[in-house]
Amino acid sequence: MAEVLVYVDHVDGAVRKPTLELLTLARRIGEPVAVHLGAGADAAAATLAEYGAVKVLTADAPEFADYLVVPKVDALQAAFEAVSPAAVLVPSSAEGKEIAARLAVRIGSGIITDAVDLEAGAEGPVATQSVFAASYSTKSRVTKGTPVITVKPNSAAPEAAPAAGTVEQLAVSFGEKSTGTKVVSRTPRESTGRPELTEAAIVVSGGRGVNGAENFSLIEGLADSLGAAVGASRAAVDAGWYPHTNQVGQTGKSVSPQLYIAAGISGAIQHRAGMQTSKTIVAINKDAEAPIFDLVDYGVVGDLFEVVPQLTEEVKSRKG
């Protein structure tokens, strides 16, 4: 069976959930070979093997931490040349998509971004995408070269499938452009105790109807009761009510959780483009004609200042 390269997204060896999803999808089309760059390979290897990696290619060098993107592309290209895979899978983060695009250019291959599903096809892997602001689903395959595919978080449920996970060192030669953009400082992100927005299984978002930064505590309260991440519409972010890092939409982050709750969000196309692939969508809005109700699974026509606190209390009582 052909091998499939899986780029590992991790923090000092702690493998993030999107990588486990990629390993699960990779097993549909071949044997996963994980590519782990940077520190923590020993800690990551056991997890990667548990989820199906037959091999773990590792490389550690200061370039991966000290410079942006290009050293990782150099390493992934080295892994590609060493393995000759049937496909390369990368998480659909901002960095992941840049790495994938640069790699595709280097190896002369086609690229598919933001896939939400993956299956084996007679002429190569077939990816499902949600396009035109999620109005349509398409099935696509790369017709030139080895497919490079980025996959959205929450596109598959991680499934353990223990494999050998043999660790091998990857020899990497860095090009002269790899040191072109240096990281000069880092500021740790303040922890909220909530899940990462793009990886969360549940997201609760607030929009213009929240009517002020001070009222986002209602959204946060519901999110915390559900163990969810907090999102915001562009209108709420532009008004300064919530940080831009939490914006969901075409110019913000794309999310695809199991449950998405939109409170006080009208449902403009810009916002829909960032959340329409959510598995179950619930909207709370006092305007029964709001566009958001066109795509929801469950809609509540009512004042969010009455509905959200009641919902929060009901969740807490059931969990208690």
C-alpha atoms as a PDB file:
ATOM      1  CA  MET A   1       0.000   0.000   0.000  1.00  0.00           C
ATOM      2  CA  ALA A   2       1.250   3.485  -0.867  1.00  0.00           C
ATOM      3  CA  GLU A   3       2.487   5.766   1.893  1.00  0.00           C
ATOM      4  CA  VAL A   4       0.845   9.085   2.757  1.00  0.00           C
ATOM      5  CA  LEU A   5       2.791  11.928   4.365  1.00  0.00           C
ATOM      6  CA  VAL A   6       1.075  13.617   7.308  1.00  0.00           C
ATOM      7  CA  TYR A   7       2.511  16.906   8.582  1.00  0.00           C
ATOM      8  CA  VAL A   8       2.399  16.916  12.388  1.00  0.00           C
ATOM      9  CA  ASP A   9       0.961  19.968  14.144  1.00  0.00           C
ATOM     10  CA  HIS A  10       2.242  19.932  17.722  1.00  0.00           C
ATOM     11  CA  VAL A  11       3.401  22.027  20.645  1.00  0.00           C
ATOM     12  CA  ASP A  12       6.715  20.713  21.995  1.00  0.00           C
ATOM     13  CA  GLY A  13       5.678  17.160  21.190  1.00  0.00           C
ATOM     14  CA  ALA A  14       2.051  17.443  22.331  1.00  0.00           C
ATOM     15  CA  VAL A  15       0.219  16.386  19.170  1.00  0.00           C
ATOM     16  CA  ARG A  16      -2.801  18.520  18.374  1.00  0.00           C
ATOM     17  CA  LYS A  17      -6.156  16.975  17.468  1.00  0.00           C
ATOM     18  CA  PRO A  18      -6.160  17.970  13.754  1.00  0.00           C
ATOM     19  CA  THR A  19      -3.104  15.752  13.219  1.00  0.00           C
ATOM     20  CA  LEU A  20      -4.917  12.755  14.688  1.00  0.00           C
ATOM     21  CA  GLU A  21      -7.774  13.469  12.270  1.00  0.00           C
ATOM     22  CA  LEU A  22      -5.310  13.556   9.367  1.00  0.00           C
ATOM     23  CA  LEU A  23      -3.857  10.192  10.386  1.00  0.00           C
ATOM     24  CA  THR A  24      -7.384   8.748  10.446  1.00  0.00           C
ATOM     25  CA  LEU A  25      -8.126  10.114   6.963  1.00  0.00           C
ATOM     26  CA  ALA A  26      -4.712   9.064   5.632  1.00  0.00           C
ATOM     27  CA  ARG A  27      -5.474   5.424   6.450  1.00  0.00           C
ATOM     28  CA  ARG A  28      -8.298   5.520   3.887  1.00  0.00           C
ATOM     29  CA  ILE A  29      -5.830   6.069   1.061  1.00  0.00           C
ATOM     30  CA  GLY A  30      -2.595   4.474   2.260  1.00  0.00           C
ATOM     31  CA  GLU A  31      -0.169   3.988   5.140  1.00  0.00           C
ATOM     32  CA  PRO A  32       0.408   7.166   7.176  1.00  0.00           C
ATOM     33  CA  VAL A  33       3.968   8.418   7.572  1.00  0.00           C
ATOM     34  CA  ALA A  34       4.110  11.266  10.084  1.00  0.00           C
ATOM     35  CA  VAL A  35       6.587  14.143   9.679  1.00  0.00           C
ATOM     36  CA  HIS A  36       7.481  15.667  13.050  1.00  0.00           C
ATOM     37  CA  LEU A  37       9.612  18.828  12.995  1.00  0.00           C
ATOM     38  CA  GLY A  38      11.136  20.477  16.042  1.00  0.00           C
ATOM     39  CA  ALA A  39      11.439  19.417  19.665  1.00  0.00           C
ATOM     40  CA  GLY A  40       9.419  16.710  21.373  1.00  0.00           C
ATOM     41  CA  ALA A  41       9.574  13.905  18.815  1.00  0.00           C
ATOM     42  CA  ASP A  42      10.067  11.234  21.482  1.00  0.00           C
ATOM     43  CA  ALA A  43       6.931  12.359  23.298  1.00  0.00           C
ATOM     44  CA  ALA A  44       4.919  12.561  20.090  1.00  0.00           C
ATOM     45  CA  ALA A  45       5.968   9.230  18.577  1.00  0.00           C
ATOM     46  CA  ALA A  46       3.809   7.068  20.842  1.00  0.00           C
ATOM     47  CA  THR A  47       0.679   9.125  20.092  1.00  0.00           C
ATOM     48  CA  LEU A  48       1.356   9.131  16.366  1.00  0.00           C
ATOM     49  CA  ALA A  49       1.846   5.353  16.380  1.00  0.00           C
ATOM     50  CA  GLU A  50      -1.355   4.873  18.369  1.00  0.00           C
ATOM     51  CA  TYR A  51      -3.313   6.637  15.613  1.00  0.00           C
ATOM     52  CA  GLY A  52      -1.804   4.721  12.723  1.00  0.00           C
ATOM     53  CA  ALA A  53       1.598   6.142  11.773  1.00  0.00           C
ATOM     54  CA  VAL A  54       3.695   3.293  10.374  1.00  0.00           C
ATOM     55  CA  LYS A  55       6.748   5.580  10.464  1.00  0.00           C
ATOM     56  CA  VAL A  56       7.629   8.862  12.119  1.00  0.00           C
ATOM     57  CA  LEU A  57      10.194  10.984  10.288  1.00  0.00           C
ATOM     58  CA  THR A  58      11.781  13.466  12.669  1.00  0.00           C
ATOM     59  CA  ALA A  59      14.080  16.449  12.335  1.00  0.00           C
ATOM     60  CA  ASP A  60      15.053  19.052  14.891  1.00  0.00           C
ATOM     61  CA  ALA A  61      16.959  22.233  14.155  1.00  0.00           C
ATOM     62  CA  PRO A  62      16.869  25.814  15.452  1.00  0.00           C
ATOM     63  CA  GLU A  63      15.663  26.982  12.033  1.00  0.00           C
ATOM     64  CA  PHE A  64      12.203  25.534  12.659  1.00  0.00           C
ATOM     65  CA  ALA A  65      11.656  27.827  15.652  1.00  0.00           C
ATOM     66  CA  ASP A  66      13.771  30.816  14.643  1.00  0.00           C
ATOM     67  CA  TYR A  67      12.450  31.396  11.113  1.00  0.00           C
ATOM     68  CA  LEU A  68       9.027  31.404   9.480  1.00  0.00           C
ATOM     69  CA  VAL A  69       7.582  28.639   7.286  1.00  0.00           C
ATOM     70  CA  VAL A  70      10.370  28.066   4.740  1.00  0.00           C
ATOM     71  CA  PRO A  71      12.529  25.718   6.889  1.00  0.00           C
ATOM     72  CA  LYS A  72       9.433  23.550   7.420  1.00  0.00           C
ATOM     73  CA  VAL A  73       8.820  23.500   3.677  1.00  0.00           C
ATOM     74  CA  ASP A  74      12.456  22.422   3.153  1.00  0.00           C
ATOM     75  CA  ALA A  75      11.931  19.561   5.604  1.00  0.00           C
ATOM     76  CA  LEU A  76       8.602  18.466   4.136  1.00  0.00           C
ATOM     77  CA  GLN A  77      10.157  18.485   0.676  1.00  0.00           C
ATOM     78  CA  ALA A  78      12.978  16.283   1.997  1.00  0.00           C
ATOM     79  CA  ALA A  79      10.397  13.894   3.426  1.00  0.00           C
ATOM     80  CA  PHE A  80       8.539  13.875   0.104  1.00  0.00           C
ATOM     81  CA  GLU A  81      11.707  12.984  -1.785  1.00  0.00           C
ATOM     82  CA  ALA A  82      12.567  10.250   0.713  1.00  0.00           C
ATOM     83  CA  VAL A  83       9.144   8.592   0.687  1.00  0.00           C
ATOM     84  CA  SER A  84       7.586   9.304  -2.751  1.00  0.00           C
ATOM     85  CA  PRO A  85       4.106   9.335  -1.180  1.00  0.00           C
ATOM     86  CA  ALA A  86       0.693   8.972  -2.765  1.00  0.00           C
ATOM     87  CA  ALA A  87      -0.404  12.231  -1.102  1.00  0.00           C
ATOM     88  CA  VAL A  88       0.657  14.863   1.416  1.00  0.00           C
ATOM     89  CA  LEU A  89      -1.834  15.919   4.100  1.00  0.00           C
ATOM     90  CA  VAL A  90      -1.470  19.146   6.093  1.00  0.00           C
ATOM     91  CA  PRO A  91      -3.811  20.777   8.652  1.00  0.00           C
ATOM     92  CA  SER A  92      -5.757  23.737   7.244  1.00  0.00           C
ATOM     93  CA  SER A  93      -4.333  26.367   9.567  1.00  0.00           C
ATOM     94  CA  ALA A  94      -2.974  29.630   8.160  1.00  0.00           C
ATOM     95  CA  GLU A  95       0.581  28.292   8.456  1.00  0.00           C
ATOM     96  CA  GLY A  96      -0.410  24.854   7.193  1.00  0.00           C
ATOM     97  CA  LYS A  97      -1.926  26.252   4.007  1.00  0.00           C
ATOM     98  CA  GLU A  98       1.169  28.331   3.308  1.00  0.00           C
ATOM     99  CA  ILE A  99       3.417  25.310   3.837  1.00  0.00           C
ATOM    100  CA  ALA A 100       1.216  23.200   1.563  1.00  0.00           C
ATOM    101  CA  ALA A 101       1.112  25.835  -1.182  1.00  0.00           C
ATOM    102  CA  ARG A 102       4.868  26.333  -1.171  1.00  0.00           C
ATOM    103  CA  LEU A 103       5.441  22.577  -1.249  1.00  0.00           C
ATOM    104  CA  ALA A 104       3.036  22.108  -4.161  1.00  0.00           C
ATOM    105  CA  VAL A 105       4.894  24.755  -6.181  1.00  0.00           C
ATOM    106  CA  ARG A 106       8.244  23.127  -5.452  1.00  0.00           C
ATOM    107  CA  ILE A 107       7.205  19.608  -6.454  1.00  0.00           C
ATOM    108  CA  GLY A 108       5.055  20.725  -9.390  1.00  0.00           C
ATOM    109  CA  SER A 109       1.811  19.342  -7.995  1.00  0.00           C
ATOM    110  CA  GLY A 110      -1.772  20.442  -7.646  1.00  0.00           C
ATOM    111  CA  ILE A 111      -3.170  21.494  -4.285  1.00  0.00           C
ATOM    112  CA  ILE A 112      -6.606  21.207  -2.664  1.00  0.00           C
ATOM    113  CA  THR A 113      -7.298  23.400   0.361  1.00  0.00           C
ATOM    114  CA  ASP A 114      -9.875  23.235   3.153  1.00  0.00           C
ATOM    115  CA  ALA A 115     -11.052  19.694   2.417  1.00  0.00           C
ATOM    116  CA  VAL A 116     -13.746  18.406   4.771  1.00  0.00           C
ATOM    117  CA  ASP A 117     -13.525  14.742   3.768  1.00  0.00           C
ATOM    118  CA  LEU A 118     -11.198  12.392   1.931  1.00  0.00           C
ATOM    119  CA  GLU A 119     -11.682   9.068   0.172  1.00  0.00           C
ATOM    120  CA  ALA A 120      -9.760   6.731  -2.109  1.00  0.00           C
ATOM    121  CA  GLY A 121     -10.463   7.003  -5.821  1.00  0.00           C
ATOM    122  CA  ALA A 122      -9.498   4.989  -8.871  1.00  0.00           C
ATOM    123  CA  GLU A 123      -7.210   7.789 -10.059  1.00  0.00           C
ATOM    124  CA  GLY A 124      -6.041   9.079  -6.686  1.00  0.00           C
ATOM    125  CA  PRO A 125      -7.461  10.600  -3.496  1.00  0.00           C
ATOM    126  CA  VAL A 126     -10.783  12.425  -3.832  1.00  0.00           C
ATOM    127  CA  ALA A 127     -11.382  15.388  -1.521  1.00  0.00           C
ATOM    128  CA  THR A 128     -14.720  16.907  -0.569  1.00  0.00           C
ATOM    129  CA  GLN A 129     -14.795  20.691  -0.238  1.00  0.00           C
ATOM    130  CA  SER A 130     -17.443  23.180   0.823  1.00  0.00           C
ATOM    131  CA  VAL A 131     -17.401  26.048  -1.693  1.00  0.00           C
ATOM    132  CA  PHE A 132     -19.117  29.351  -2.537  1.00  0.00           C
ATOM    133  CA  ALA A 133     -19.664  30.234   1.107  1.00  0.00           C
ATOM    134  CA  ALA A 134     -20.658  26.618   1.773  1.00  0.00           C
ATOM    135  CA  SER A 135     -23.573  26.766  -0.668  1.00  0.00           C
ATOM    136  CA  TYR A 136     -22.233  23.719  -2.516  1.00  0.00           C
ATOM    137  CA  SER A 137     -20.149  20.634  -1.821  1.00  0.00           C
ATOM    138  CA  THR A 138     -17.701  19.491  -4.481  1.00  0.00           C
ATOM    139  CA  LYS A 139     -15.534  16.446  -4.976  1.00  0.00           C
ATOM    140  CA  SER A 140     -12.104  17.168  -6.415  1.00  0.00           C
ATOM    141  CA  ARG A 141      -8.881  15.383  -7.223  1.00  0.00           C
ATOM    142  CA  VAL A 142      -5.456  16.574  -8.288  1.00  0.00           C
ATOM    143  CA  THR A 143      -4.641  15.708 -11.913  1.00  0.00           C
ATOM    144  CA  LYS A 144      -0.964  16.667 -11.924  1.00  0.00           C
ATOM    145  CA  GLY A 145       1.703  15.362  -9.601  1.00  0.00           C
ATOM    146  CA  THR A 146       1.273  14.152  -6.035  1.00  0.00           C
ATOM    147  CA  PRO A 147      -1.812  15.637  -4.326  1.00  0.00           C
ATOM    148  CA  VAL A 148      -1.105  18.140  -1.561  1.00  0.00           C
ATOM    149  CA  ILE A 149      -4.269  18.479   0.519  1.00  0.00           C
ATOM    150  CA  THR A 150      -5.070  20.645   3.522  1.00  0.00           C
ATOM    151  CA  VAL A 151      -7.922  19.447   5.727  1.00  0.00           C
ATOM    152  CA  LYS A 152     -10.133  21.516   8.016  1.00  0.00           C
ATOM    153  CA  PRO A 153     -10.144  20.636  11.730  1.00  0.00           C
ATOM    154  CA  ASN A 154     -13.133  18.558  12.904  1.00  0.00           C
ATOM    155  CA  SER A 155     -13.516  16.950   9.488  1.00  0.00           C
ATOM    156  CA  ALA A 156     -13.127  13.455  10.932  1.00  0.00           C
ATOM    157  CA  ALA A 157     -13.318  11.803  14.321  1.00  0.00           C
ATOM    158  CA  PRO A 158      -9.844  10.593  15.362  1.00  0.00           C
ATOM    159  CA  GLU A 159      -9.754   6.796  15.496  1.00  0.00           C
ATOM    160  CA  ALA A 160      -6.942   4.861  17.132  1.00  0.00           C
ATOM    161  CA  ALA A 161      -5.344   2.155  14.975  1.00  0.00           C
ATOM    162  CA  PRO A 162      -2.013   1.154  16.556  1.00  0.00           C
ATOM    163  CA  ALA A 163       0.863   0.815  14.110  1.00  0.00           C
ATOM    164  CA  ALA A 164       4.627   0.364  14.329  1.00  0.00           C
ATOM    165  CA  GLY A 165       5.466   4.064  14.486  1.00  0.00           C
ATOM    166  CA  THR A 166       9.125   3.400  13.689  1.00  0.00           C
ATOM    167  CA  VAL A 167      11.102   6.582  14.333  1.00  0.00           C
ATOM    168  CA  GLU A 168      13.578   7.582  11.642  1.00  0.00           C
ATOM    169  CA  GLN A 169      15.777  10.650  11.382  1.00  0.00           C
ATOM    170  CA  LEU A 170      15.114  12.897   8.409  1.00  0.00           C
ATOM    171  CA  ALA A 171      18.086  14.596   6.787  1.00  0.00           C
ATOM    172  CA  VAL A 172      17.206  18.188   5.898  1.00  0.00           C
ATOM    173  CA  SER A 173      19.234  20.707   3.895  1.00  0.00           C
ATOM    174  CA  PHE A 174      18.027  24.260   4.348  1.00  0.00           C
ATOM    175  CA  GLY A 175      18.028  26.557   1.329  1.00  0.00           C
ATOM    176  CA  GLU A 176      19.367  30.105   1.379  1.00  0.00           C
ATOM    177  CA  LYS A 177      15.823  31.499   1.551  1.00  0.00           C
ATOM    178  CA  SER A 178      15.037  29.567   4.727  1.00  0.00           C
ATOM    179  CA  THR A 179      16.507  32.313   6.918  1.00  0.00           C
ATOM    180  CA  GLY A 180      14.810  35.183   5.133  1.00  0.00           C
ATOM    181  CA  THR A 181      12.228  35.951   7.818  1.00  0.00           C
ATOM    182  CA  LYS A 182      13.423  35.721  11.405  1.00  0.00           C
ATOM    183  CA  VAL A 183      11.246  35.513  14.511  1.00  0.00           C
ATOM    184  CA  VAL A 184      12.522  38.283  16.779  1.00  0.00           C
ATOM    185  CA  SER A 185      10.119  37.918  19.727  1.00  0.00           C
ATOM    186  CA  ARG A 186       7.246  35.852  21.046  1.00  0.00           C
ATOM    187  CA  THR A 187       4.383  36.784  23.342  1.00  0.00           C
ATOM    188  CA  PRO A 188       2.594  33.882  25.030  1.00  0.00           C
ATOM    189  CA  ARG A 189      -1.115  33.893  24.389  1.00  0.00           C
ATOM    190  CA  GLU A 190      -3.144  34.306  27.552  1.00  0.00           C
ATOM    191  CA  SER A 191      -4.979  31.113  28.350  1.00  0.00           C
ATOM    192  CA  THR A 192      -8.745  31.379  28.759  1.00  0.00           C
ATOM    193  CA  GLY A 193      -9.116  27.737  29.698  1.00  0.00           C
ATOM    194  CA  ARG A 194     -11.365  27.289  26.659  1.00  0.00           C
ATOM    195  CA  PRO A 195     -10.651  25.138  23.588  1.00  0.00           C
ATOM    196  CA  GLU A 196      -8.860  26.548  20.557  1.00  0.00           C
ATOM    197  CA  LEU A 197     -11.541  28.121  18.329  1.00  0.00           C
ATOM    198  CA  THR A 198     -10.727  26.288  15.101  1.00  0.00           C
ATOM    199  CA  GLU A 199     -10.408  22.909  16.853  1.00  0.00           C
ATOM    200  CA  ALA A 200     -13.328  23.084  19.285  1.00  0.00           C
ATOM    201  CA  ALA A 201     -16.131  20.532  19.097  1.00  0.00           C
ATOM    202  CA  ILE A 202     -18.602  23.199  20.268  1.00  0.00           C
ATOM    203  CA  VAL A 203     -18.526  26.927  19.455  1.00  0.00           C
ATOM    204  CA  VAL A 204     -20.807  29.631  20.871  1.00  0.00           C
ATOM    205  CA  SER A 205     -20.676  32.923  18.944  1.00  0.00           C
ATOM    206  CA  GLY A 206     -22.150  36.340  19.579  1.00  0.00           C
ATOM    207  CA  GLY A 207     -22.947  39.073  17.093  1.00  0.00           C
ATOM    208  CA  ARG A 208     -24.382  42.562  16.787  1.00  0.00           C
ATOM    209  CA  GLY A 209     -27.380  41.550  18.889  1.00  0.00           C
ATOM    210  CA  VAL A 210     -25.165  41.141  21.956  1.00  0.00           C
ATOM    211  CA  ASN A 211     -25.119  44.955  21.990  1.00  0.00           C
ATOM    212  CA  GLY A 212     -21.870  45.629  23.808  1.00  0.00           C
ATOM    213  CA  ALA A 213     -18.623  44.160  25.091  1.00  0.00           C
ATOM    214  CA  GLU A 214     -20.005  43.960  28.617  1.00  0.00           C
ATOM    215  CA  ASN A 215     -22.743  41.603  27.424  1.00  0.00           C
ATOM    216  CA  PHE A 216     -20.355  39.030  25.966  1.00  0.00           C
ATOM    217  CA  SER A 217     -20.222  37.538  29.446  1.00  0.00           C
ATOM    218  CA  LEU A 218     -23.552  35.906  28.532  1.00  0.00           C
ATOM    219  CA  ILE A 219     -21.911  34.211  25.533  1.00  0.00           C
ATOM    220  CA  GLU A 220     -18.907  33.194  27.621  1.00  0.00           C
ATOM    221  CA  GLY A 221     -21.156  31.780  30.330  1.00  0.00           C
ATOM    222  CA  LEU A 222     -22.997  29.545  27.881  1.00  0.00           C
ATOM    223  CA  ALA A 223     -19.721  28.498  26.262  1.00  0.00           C
ATOM    224  CA  ASP A 224     -18.184  27.591  29.616  1.00  0.00           C
ATOM    225  CA  SER A 225     -21.204  25.536  30.610  1.00  0.00           C
ATOM    226  CA  LEU A 226     -20.760  23.503  27.411  1.00  0.00           C
ATOM    227  CA  GLY A 227     -16.957  23.364  27.439  1.00  0.00           C
ATOM    228  CA  ALA A 228     -17.024  25.376  24.219  1.00  0.00           C
ATOM    229  CA  ALA A 229     -14.925  27.982  22.448  1.00  0.00           C
ATOM    230  CA  VAL A 230     -16.194  31.548  22.041  1.00  0.00           C
ATOM    231  CA  GLY A 231     -16.575  33.133  18.623  1.00  0.00           C
ATOM    232  CA  ALA A 232     -17.769  36.498  17.372  1.00  0.00           C
ATOM    233  CA  SER A 233     -19.171  37.945  14.173  1.00  0.00           C
ATOM    234  CA  ARG A 234     -17.339  40.612  12.213  1.00  0.00           C
ATOM    235  CA  ALA A 235     -19.817  43.246  13.400  1.00  0.00           C
ATOM    236  CA  ALA A 236     -19.025  42.448  17.029  1.00  0.00           C
ATOM    237  CA  VAL A 237     -15.281  42.454  16.376  1.00  0.00           C
ATOM    238  CA  ASP A 238     -15.349  45.694  14.364  1.00  0.00           C
ATOM    239  CA  ALA A 239     -17.276  47.333  17.204  1.00  0.00           C
ATOM    240  CA  GLY A 240     -14.464  46.377  19.581  1.00  0.00           C
ATOM    241  CA  TRP A 241     -16.643  44.084  21.674  1.00  0.00           C
ATOM    242  CA  TYR A 242     -14.465  40.994  21.263  1.00  0.00           C
ATOM    243  CA  PRO A 243     -10.917  40.282  20.005  1.00  0.00           C
ATOM    244  CA  HIS A 244     -10.272  39.802  16.298  1.00  0.00           C
ATOM    245  CA  THR A 245      -8.650  36.440  17.073  1.00  0.00           C
ATOM    246  CA  ASN A 246     -12.140  35.129  17.837  1.00  0.00           C
ATOM    247  CA  GLN A 247     -13.795  36.322  14.633  1.00  0.00           C
ATOM    248  CA  VAL A 248     -15.625  33.630  12.684  1.00  0.00           C
ATOM    249  CA  GLY A 249     -16.173  34.324   9.003  1.00  0.00           C
ATOM    250  CA  GLN A 250     -14.646  34.833   5.603  1.00  0.00           C
ATOM    251  CA  THR A 251     -12.150  37.394   6.911  1.00  0.00           C
ATOM    252  CA  GLY A 252     -11.755  35.625  10.243  1.00  0.00           C
ATOM    253  CA  LYS A 253     -11.455  31.958  11.132  1.00  0.00           C
ATOM    254  CA  SER A 254     -13.291  29.025   9.619  1.00  0.00           C
ATOM    255  CA  VAL A 255     -14.755  26.559  12.085  1.00  0.00           C
ATOM    256  CA  SER A 256     -16.444  23.212  11.599  1.00  0.00           C
ATOM    257  CA  PRO A 257     -17.541  22.037  15.062  1.00  0.00           C
ATOM    258  CA  GLN A 258     -20.059  19.362  15.958  1.00  0.00           C
ATOM    259  CA  LEU A 259     -22.287  22.105  17.426  1.00  0.00           C
ATOM    260  CA  TYR A 260     -22.366  25.803  16.537  1.00  0.00           C
ATOM    261  CA  ILE A 261     -24.594  28.208  18.482  1.00  0.00           C
ATOM    262  CA  ALA A 262     -25.097  31.672  16.978  1.00  0.00           C
ATOM    263  CA  ALA A 263     -26.620  34.240  19.344  1.00  0.00           C
ATOM    264  CA  GLY A 264     -27.623  37.651  17.999  1.00  0.00           C
ATOM    265  CA  ILE A 265     -26.052  36.961  14.595  1.00  0.00           C
ATOM    266  CA  SER A 266     -28.130  37.867  11.541  1.00  0.00           C
ATOM    267  CA  GLY A 267     -26.338  35.451   9.226  1.00  0.00           C
ATOM    268  CA  ALA A 268     -24.578  37.631   6.660  1.00  0.00           C
ATOM    269  CA  ILE A 269     -22.829  35.662   3.906  1.00  0.00           C
ATOM    270  CA  GLN A 270     -19.434  36.713   5.311  1.00  0.00           C
ATOM    271  CA  HIS A 271     -20.189  34.970   8.599  1.00  0.00           C
ATOM    272  CA  ARG A 272     -21.849  31.961   7.022  1.00  0.00           C
ATOM    273  CA  ALA A 273     -18.725  31.287   4.973  1.00  0.00           C
ATOM    274  CA  GLY A 274     -16.810  30.615   8.186  1.00  0.00           C
ATOM    275  CA  MET A 275     -19.231  28.275   9.968  1.00  0.00           C
ATOM    276  CA  GLN A 276     -21.622  26.693   7.488  1.00  0.00           C
ATOM    277  CA  THR A 277     -19.845  23.324   7.537  1.00  0.00           C
ATOM    278  CA  SER A 278     -20.706  22.912  11.241  1.00  0.00           C
ATOM    279  CA  LYS A 279     -22.463  19.592  11.840  1.00  0.00           C
ATOM    280  CA  THR A 280     -25.378  21.036  13.885  1.00  0.00           C
ATOM    281  CA  ILE A 281     -26.272  24.745  13.890  1.00  0.00           C
ATOM    282  CA  VAL A 282     -28.492  26.479  16.440  1.00  0.00           C
ATOM    283  CA  ALA A 283     -29.477  30.158  16.133  1.00  0.00           C
ATOM    284  CA  ILE A 284     -30.989  32.509  18.692  1.00  0.00           C
ATOM    285  CA  ASN A 285     -32.353  35.732  17.213  1.00  0.00           C
ATOM    286  CA  LYS A 286     -35.408  37.887  17.878  1.00  0.00           C
ATOM    287  CA  ASP A 287     -35.838  38.589  14.155  1.00  0.00           C
ATOM    288  CA  ALA A 288     -37.721  35.641  12.672  1.00  0.00           C
ATOM    289  CA  GLU A 289     -36.690  36.793   9.166  1.00  0.00           C
ATOM    290  CA  ALA A 290     -32.936  36.781   9.902  1.00  0.00           C
ATOM    291  CA  PRO A 291     -30.965  34.977   7.146  1.00  0.00           C
ATOM    292  CA  ILE A 292     -29.289  32.769   9.752  1.00  0.00           C
ATOM    293  CA  PHE A 293     -32.522  30.793  10.080  1.00  0.00           C
ATOM    294  CA  ASP A 294     -32.183  29.636   6.457  1.00  0.00           C
ATOM    295  CA  LEU A 295     -29.378  27.238   7.336  1.00  0.00           C
ATOM    296  CA  VAL A 296     -29.942  26.214  10.942  1.00  0.00           C
ATOM    297  CA  ASP A 297     -30.933  22.816  12.274  1.00  0.00           C
ATOM    298  CA  TYR A 298     -32.678  24.444  15.242  1.00  0.00           C
ATOM    299  CA  GLY A 299     -33.822  28.035  15.563  1.00  0.00           C
ATOM    300  CA  VAL A 300     -35.022  29.970  18.583  1.00  0.00           C
ATOM    301  CA  VAL A 301     -36.919  33.197  17.855  1.00  0.00           C
ATOM    302  CA  GLY A 302     -36.448  35.204  21.013  1.00  0.00           C
ATOM    303  CA  ASP A 303     -34.421  37.769  22.915  1.00  0.00           C
ATOM    304  CA  LEU A 304     -30.939  36.371  23.539  1.00  0.00           C
ATOM    305  CA  PHE A 305     -30.857  38.231  26.882  1.00  0.00           C
ATOM    306  CA  GLU A 306     -33.686  35.979  28.022  1.00  0.00           C
ATOM    307  CA  VAL A 307     -32.891  32.788  26.114  1.00  0.00           C
ATOM    308  CA  VAL A 308     -29.131  32.484  26.684  1.00  0.00           C
ATOM    309  CA  PRO A 309     -29.216  32.716  30.517  1.00  0.00           C
ATOM    310  CA  GLN A 310     -32.034  30.146  30.644  1.00  0.00           C
ATOM    311  CA  LEU A 311     -30.131  27.837  28.313  1.00  0.00           C
ATOM    312  CA  THR A 312     -26.981  28.223  30.403  1.00  0.00           C
ATOM    313  CA  GLU A 313     -28.831  27.363  33.609  1.00  0.00           C
ATOM    314  CA  GLU A 314     -30.506  24.367  31.955  1.00  0.00           C
ATOM    315  CA  VAL A 315     -27.142  23.033  30.760  1.00  0.00           C
ATOM    316  CA  LYS A 316     -25.637  23.474  34.203  1.00  0.00           C
ATOM    317  CA  SER A 317     -28.577  21.766  35.931  1.00  0.00           C
ATOM    318  CA  ARG A 318     -28.422  18.781  33.588  1.00  0.00           C
ATOM    319  CA  LYS A 319     -24.666  18.448  34.027  1.00  0.00           C
ATOM    320  CA  GLY A 320     -25.095  18.766  37.793  1.00  0.00           C
END
